[in-house]
Amino acid sequence: MKNNYQVFTFNQVQEAIYNLDAYFDFDLLSAEVKKTAIAVVISENEDNTFRNWLEYKGNKPILMRNSTRIYGAHFKGTNYNIKGYDKTYQTKAESNTKLSESLIRFELEANSRYFNNRKHPIGIYTVADLVNKSKFDALADELLNIYDTIKKQPIINYQKLKPKEILLLGAMKDKDSFNGLKKYHKHSFKLLRKDYSKLLDSIADVELENSIRRKILEQINYCKNN
């Protein structure tokens, strides 16, 4: 495999590692694992994915840029880096390979402490652990768990909104407007906050949000079962 925008299943991981083990003149399977990356790629666009990320366990997303082009976002922790980015754009920019569809890669890159120093450790110590089916499945499940933990802004279809509703959304999302209303117009702010909450509940595209999660789950299950 010469890229990371295609599926990489458990059987393919096994084949790759066993081939490398046979090639090298040392025991690759007993080599220590310092860092592991797990990911899936789905057919989707950035407006429905990483651009809606709000926070992960209190951490705000950091934008991924190439010059002035924002092509992704990530959450950087001591032992992990969670990324969501436009794989179609990155592939074209870095290798001049043009993909035929809009692809988003959702990825966790973490060191061994992240997987092992926890209440329920996965146990990724050596390369042999990466071809252990139960541990491979646990890594895949961890990716979905992280996606579910990310706090996301509701996906909104602005074409269906009235101008006053769009203005309300803008006022609540803009930091300066939000703080100005809260500080100088407290009574109006409370009423607007209620209207804002009701509006979000009524317009959030839950079906689309669930569709994106299903795509991620389908890719995870495919990698686990093939």
Protein backbone atom coordinates (compact mmCIF):
# COMPACT_ATOMS: atom_id res chain seq x y z
CA MET A 1 0.00 0.00 0.00
CA LYS A 2 1.46 3.32 -1.14
CA ASN A 3 -1.11 5.62 0.45
CA ASN A 4 -3.31 6.06 3.47
CA TYR A 5 -6.55 7.00 1.74
CA GLN A 6 -7.61 3.41 1.02
CA VAL A 7 -8.88 0.71 3.35
CA PHE A 8 -6.21 -1.16 5.36
CA THR A 9 -7.87 -4.22 6.88
CA PHE A 10 -6.75 -6.60 9.61
CA ASN A 11 -5.75 -9.25 7.06
CA GLN A 12 -3.72 -6.66 5.15
CA VAL A 13 -2.01 -5.54 8.36
CA GLN A 14 -1.13 -9.15 9.12
CA GLU A 15 0.23 -9.73 5.63
CA ALA A 16 2.32 -6.55 5.66
CA ILE A 17 3.85 -7.21 9.08
CA TYR A 18 4.61 -10.89 8.42
CA ASN A 19 6.21 -10.00 5.07
CA LEU A 20 8.38 -7.39 6.77
CA ASP A 21 9.28 -9.84 9.52
CA ALA A 22 10.44 -12.35 6.89
CA TYR A 23 12.45 -9.68 5.08
CA PHE A 24 14.42 -8.28 8.02
CA ASP A 25 17.20 -10.25 9.72
CA PHE A 26 15.80 -9.57 13.20
CA ASP A 27 12.63 -10.50 15.07
CA LEU A 28 10.28 -7.71 14.01
CA LEU A 29 7.36 -9.10 16.01
CA SER A 30 9.19 -8.59 19.30
CA ALA A 31 10.16 -4.99 18.44
CA GLU A 32 8.79 -2.33 20.78
CA VAL A 33 5.96 -0.13 19.52
CA LYS A 34 6.51 3.53 20.36
CA LYS A 35 3.59 5.06 18.46
CA THR A 36 0.48 3.78 16.68
CA ALA A 37 -1.84 5.46 14.19
CA ILE A 38 -5.36 4.18 13.50
CA ALA A 39 -7.75 5.76 11.04
CA VAL A 40 -10.62 5.43 8.60
CA VAL A 41 -11.39 7.35 5.43
CA ILE A 42 -14.97 8.18 4.47
CA SER A 43 -16.59 9.82 1.49
CA GLU A 44 -17.78 13.14 2.91
CA ASN A 45 -17.01 16.88 2.84
CA GLU A 46 -15.31 19.11 5.39
CA ASP A 47 -18.36 21.26 6.16
CA ASN A 48 -20.11 18.21 7.62
CA THR A 49 -17.11 16.86 9.52
CA PHE A 50 -14.11 18.56 11.16
CA ARG A 51 -15.43 22.09 10.61
CA ASN A 52 -18.19 21.26 13.10
CA TRP A 53 -15.87 20.10 15.87
CA LEU A 54 -16.17 22.19 19.03
CA GLU A 55 -14.03 20.43 21.67
CA TYR A 56 -12.63 17.15 22.94
CA LYS A 57 -12.52 16.75 26.71
CA GLY A 58 -12.28 20.52 27.17
CA ASN A 59 -9.69 21.07 24.41
CA LYS A 60 -10.53 23.28 21.44
CA PRO A 61 -9.55 22.09 17.96
CA ILE A 62 -6.39 23.42 16.30
CA LEU A 63 -6.72 24.21 12.60
CA MET A 64 -4.53 22.36 10.10
CA ARG A 65 -3.27 24.74 7.40
CA ASN A 66 -1.35 24.64 4.18
CA SER A 67 -0.45 28.28 3.60
CA THR A 68 -3.86 30.00 3.76
CA ARG A 69 -5.92 26.86 3.06
CA ILE A 70 -7.56 25.27 6.11
CA TYR A 71 -7.83 21.59 5.31
CA GLY A 72 -8.35 19.97 8.71
CA ALA A 73 -8.50 20.22 12.50
CA HIS A 74 -6.88 18.30 15.33
CA PHE A 75 -6.86 17.93 19.10
CA LYS A 76 -3.35 17.71 20.50
CA GLY A 77 -2.84 16.02 23.87
CA THR A 78 0.22 14.90 25.81
CA ASN A 79 0.05 11.35 24.46
CA TYR A 80 -2.27 11.66 21.46
CA ASN A 81 -3.18 13.62 18.36
CA ILE A 82 -6.74 13.32 17.01
CA LYS A 83 -7.12 14.53 13.42
CA GLY A 84 -9.85 15.08 10.89
CA TYR A 85 -8.82 16.42 7.51
CA ASP A 86 -9.52 16.67 3.79
CA LYS A 87 -7.58 13.71 2.42
CA THR A 88 -8.41 14.60 -1.17
CA TYR A 89 -6.82 18.04 -0.80
CA GLN A 90 -3.79 16.77 1.14
CA THR A 91 -3.07 14.02 -1.38
CA LYS A 92 -3.17 16.48 -4.28
CA ALA A 93 -1.00 19.01 -2.41
CA GLU A 94 1.65 16.54 -1.23
CA SER A 95 1.91 13.97 -4.04
CA ASN A 96 0.00 15.59 -6.90
CA THR A 97 -2.39 12.63 -6.88
CA LYS A 98 -5.91 13.64 -7.85
CA LEU A 99 -8.66 11.61 -6.18
CA SER A 100 -12.06 11.33 -7.82
CA GLU A 101 -14.15 12.00 -4.71
CA SER A 102 -14.13 14.10 -1.55
CA LEU A 103 -12.52 12.01 1.20
CA ILE A 104 -12.16 12.82 4.89
CA ARG A 105 -9.65 10.95 7.07
CA PHE A 106 -10.39 10.56 10.77
CA GLU A 107 -7.28 9.53 12.67
CA LEU A 108 -5.85 8.85 16.10
CA GLU A 109 -2.09 8.92 16.49
CA ALA A 110 -0.91 8.05 20.00
CA ASN A 111 2.10 6.77 21.88
CA SER A 112 2.11 3.56 23.90
CA ARG A 113 1.31 5.32 27.17
CA TYR A 114 -2.07 6.38 25.77
CA PHE A 115 -3.11 2.78 25.08
CA ASN A 116 -1.46 1.10 28.04
CA ASN A 117 -1.61 3.46 31.04
CA ARG A 118 -5.35 3.45 31.60
CA LYS A 119 -8.02 1.70 33.64
CA HIS A 120 -8.65 -0.81 30.85
CA PRO A 121 -5.37 -1.02 28.89
CA ILE A 122 -5.40 -2.30 25.32
CA GLY A 123 -1.85 -3.59 25.67
CA ILE A 124 0.15 -2.36 22.67
CA TYR A 125 3.75 -3.16 23.59
CA THR A 126 5.31 -4.98 20.62
CA VAL A 127 4.59 -5.37 16.91
CA ALA A 128 3.06 -8.77 17.68
CA ASP A 129 0.25 -6.94 19.50
CA LEU A 130 -0.75 -5.23 16.23
CA VAL A 131 -1.58 -8.59 14.63
CA ASN A 132 -3.53 -9.78 17.66
CA LYS A 133 -7.17 -9.78 16.52
CA SER A 134 -8.71 -8.79 19.86
CA LYS A 135 -6.25 -5.90 20.26
CA PHE A 136 -6.77 -4.79 16.67
CA ASP A 137 -10.52 -4.71 17.32
CA ALA A 138 -9.97 -2.77 20.56
CA LEU A 139 -7.94 -0.15 18.67
CA ALA A 140 -10.72 0.16 16.10
CA ASP A 141 -13.35 0.53 18.82
CA GLU A 142 -11.21 3.23 20.45
CA LEU A 143 -11.41 5.28 17.25
CA LEU A 144 -15.22 5.22 17.28
CA ASN A 145 -15.31 6.02 20.99
CA ILE A 146 -13.17 9.09 20.37
CA TYR A 147 -15.42 10.26 17.54
CA ASP A 148 -18.46 9.94 19.80
CA THR A 149 -16.70 11.90 22.55
CA ILE A 150 -15.91 14.88 20.32
CA LYS A 151 -18.43 17.65 20.98
CA LYS A 152 -19.82 18.81 17.65
CA GLN A 153 -21.77 21.77 16.43
CA PRO A 154 -25.12 20.71 14.93
CA ILE A 155 -25.10 20.43 11.16
CA ILE A 156 -27.44 23.09 9.79
CA ASN A 157 -29.06 23.46 6.38
CA TYR A 158 -29.09 27.27 6.02
CA GLN A 159 -31.17 27.10 2.83
CA LYS A 160 -34.19 26.21 4.96
CA LEU A 161 -33.76 29.10 7.43
CA LYS A 162 -35.36 32.53 7.52
CA PRO A 163 -33.05 35.59 7.60
CA LYS A 164 -33.88 36.34 11.26
CA GLU A 165 -32.99 32.77 12.21
CA ILE A 166 -29.61 33.03 10.48
CA LEU A 167 -29.00 36.34 12.28
CA LEU A 168 -29.81 34.71 15.61
CA LEU A 169 -27.36 31.89 14.93
CA GLY A 170 -24.70 34.39 13.95
CA ALA A 171 -25.18 36.49 17.08
CA MET A 172 -24.90 33.46 19.37
CA LYS A 173 -21.85 32.03 17.58
CA ASP A 174 -19.89 35.30 17.34
CA LYS A 175 -17.85 35.80 20.51
CA ASP A 176 -18.05 39.60 20.57
CA SER A 177 -21.80 39.70 19.84
CA PHE A 178 -22.46 37.00 22.42
CA ASN A 179 -20.52 38.82 25.13
CA GLY A 180 -22.02 42.20 24.20
CA LEU A 181 -25.57 40.90 24.52
CA LYS A 182 -24.77 39.11 27.76
CA LYS A 183 -23.15 42.17 29.34
CA TYR A 184 -25.32 45.06 28.14
CA HIS A 185 -28.70 43.48 27.35
CA LYS A 186 -29.15 40.76 29.97
CA HIS A 187 -32.91 40.40 29.68
CA SER A 188 -32.84 40.19 25.87
CA PHE A 189 -29.87 37.82 26.11
CA LYS A 190 -31.83 35.33 28.21
CA LEU A 191 -34.73 35.38 25.77
CA LEU A 192 -32.43 35.03 22.76
CA ARG A 193 -30.63 32.10 24.38
CA LYS A 194 -33.94 30.28 24.80
CA ASP A 195 -34.88 31.01 21.20
CA TYR A 196 -31.41 29.85 20.10
CA SER A 197 -31.73 26.53 21.93
CA LYS A 198 -35.18 25.90 20.51
CA LEU A 199 -33.97 26.76 17.02
CA LEU A 200 -31.01 24.37 17.24
CA ASP A 201 -33.27 21.55 18.40
CA SER A 202 -35.62 22.11 15.50
CA ILE A 203 -33.11 22.56 12.63
CA ALA A 204 -30.20 20.24 13.46
CA ASP A 205 -29.76 17.72 10.65
CA VAL A 206 -29.66 14.67 12.90
CA GLU A 207 -30.10 12.33 9.95
CA LEU A 208 -26.94 13.66 8.31
CA GLU A 209 -25.00 13.50 11.58
CA ASN A 210 -26.06 9.88 12.06
CA SER A 211 -25.14 9.13 8.46
CA ILE A 212 -21.56 10.33 9.03
CA ARG A 213 -21.24 8.17 12.13
CA ARG A 214 -22.59 5.18 10.21
CA LYS A 215 -19.94 5.70 7.53
CA ILE A 216 -17.20 5.65 10.16
CA LEU A 217 -18.66 2.56 11.83
CA GLU A 218 -19.02 0.76 8.50
CA GLN A 219 -15.35 1.38 7.67
CA ILE A 220 -14.27 0.24 11.14
CA ASN A 221 -16.30 -2.97 10.89
CA TYR A 222 -14.99 -3.67 7.40
CA CYS A 223 -11.39 -3.34 8.60
CA LYS A 224 -12.07 -5.61 11.57
CA ASN A 225 -13.80 -8.33 9.56
CA ASN A 226 -11.58 -8.50 6.47
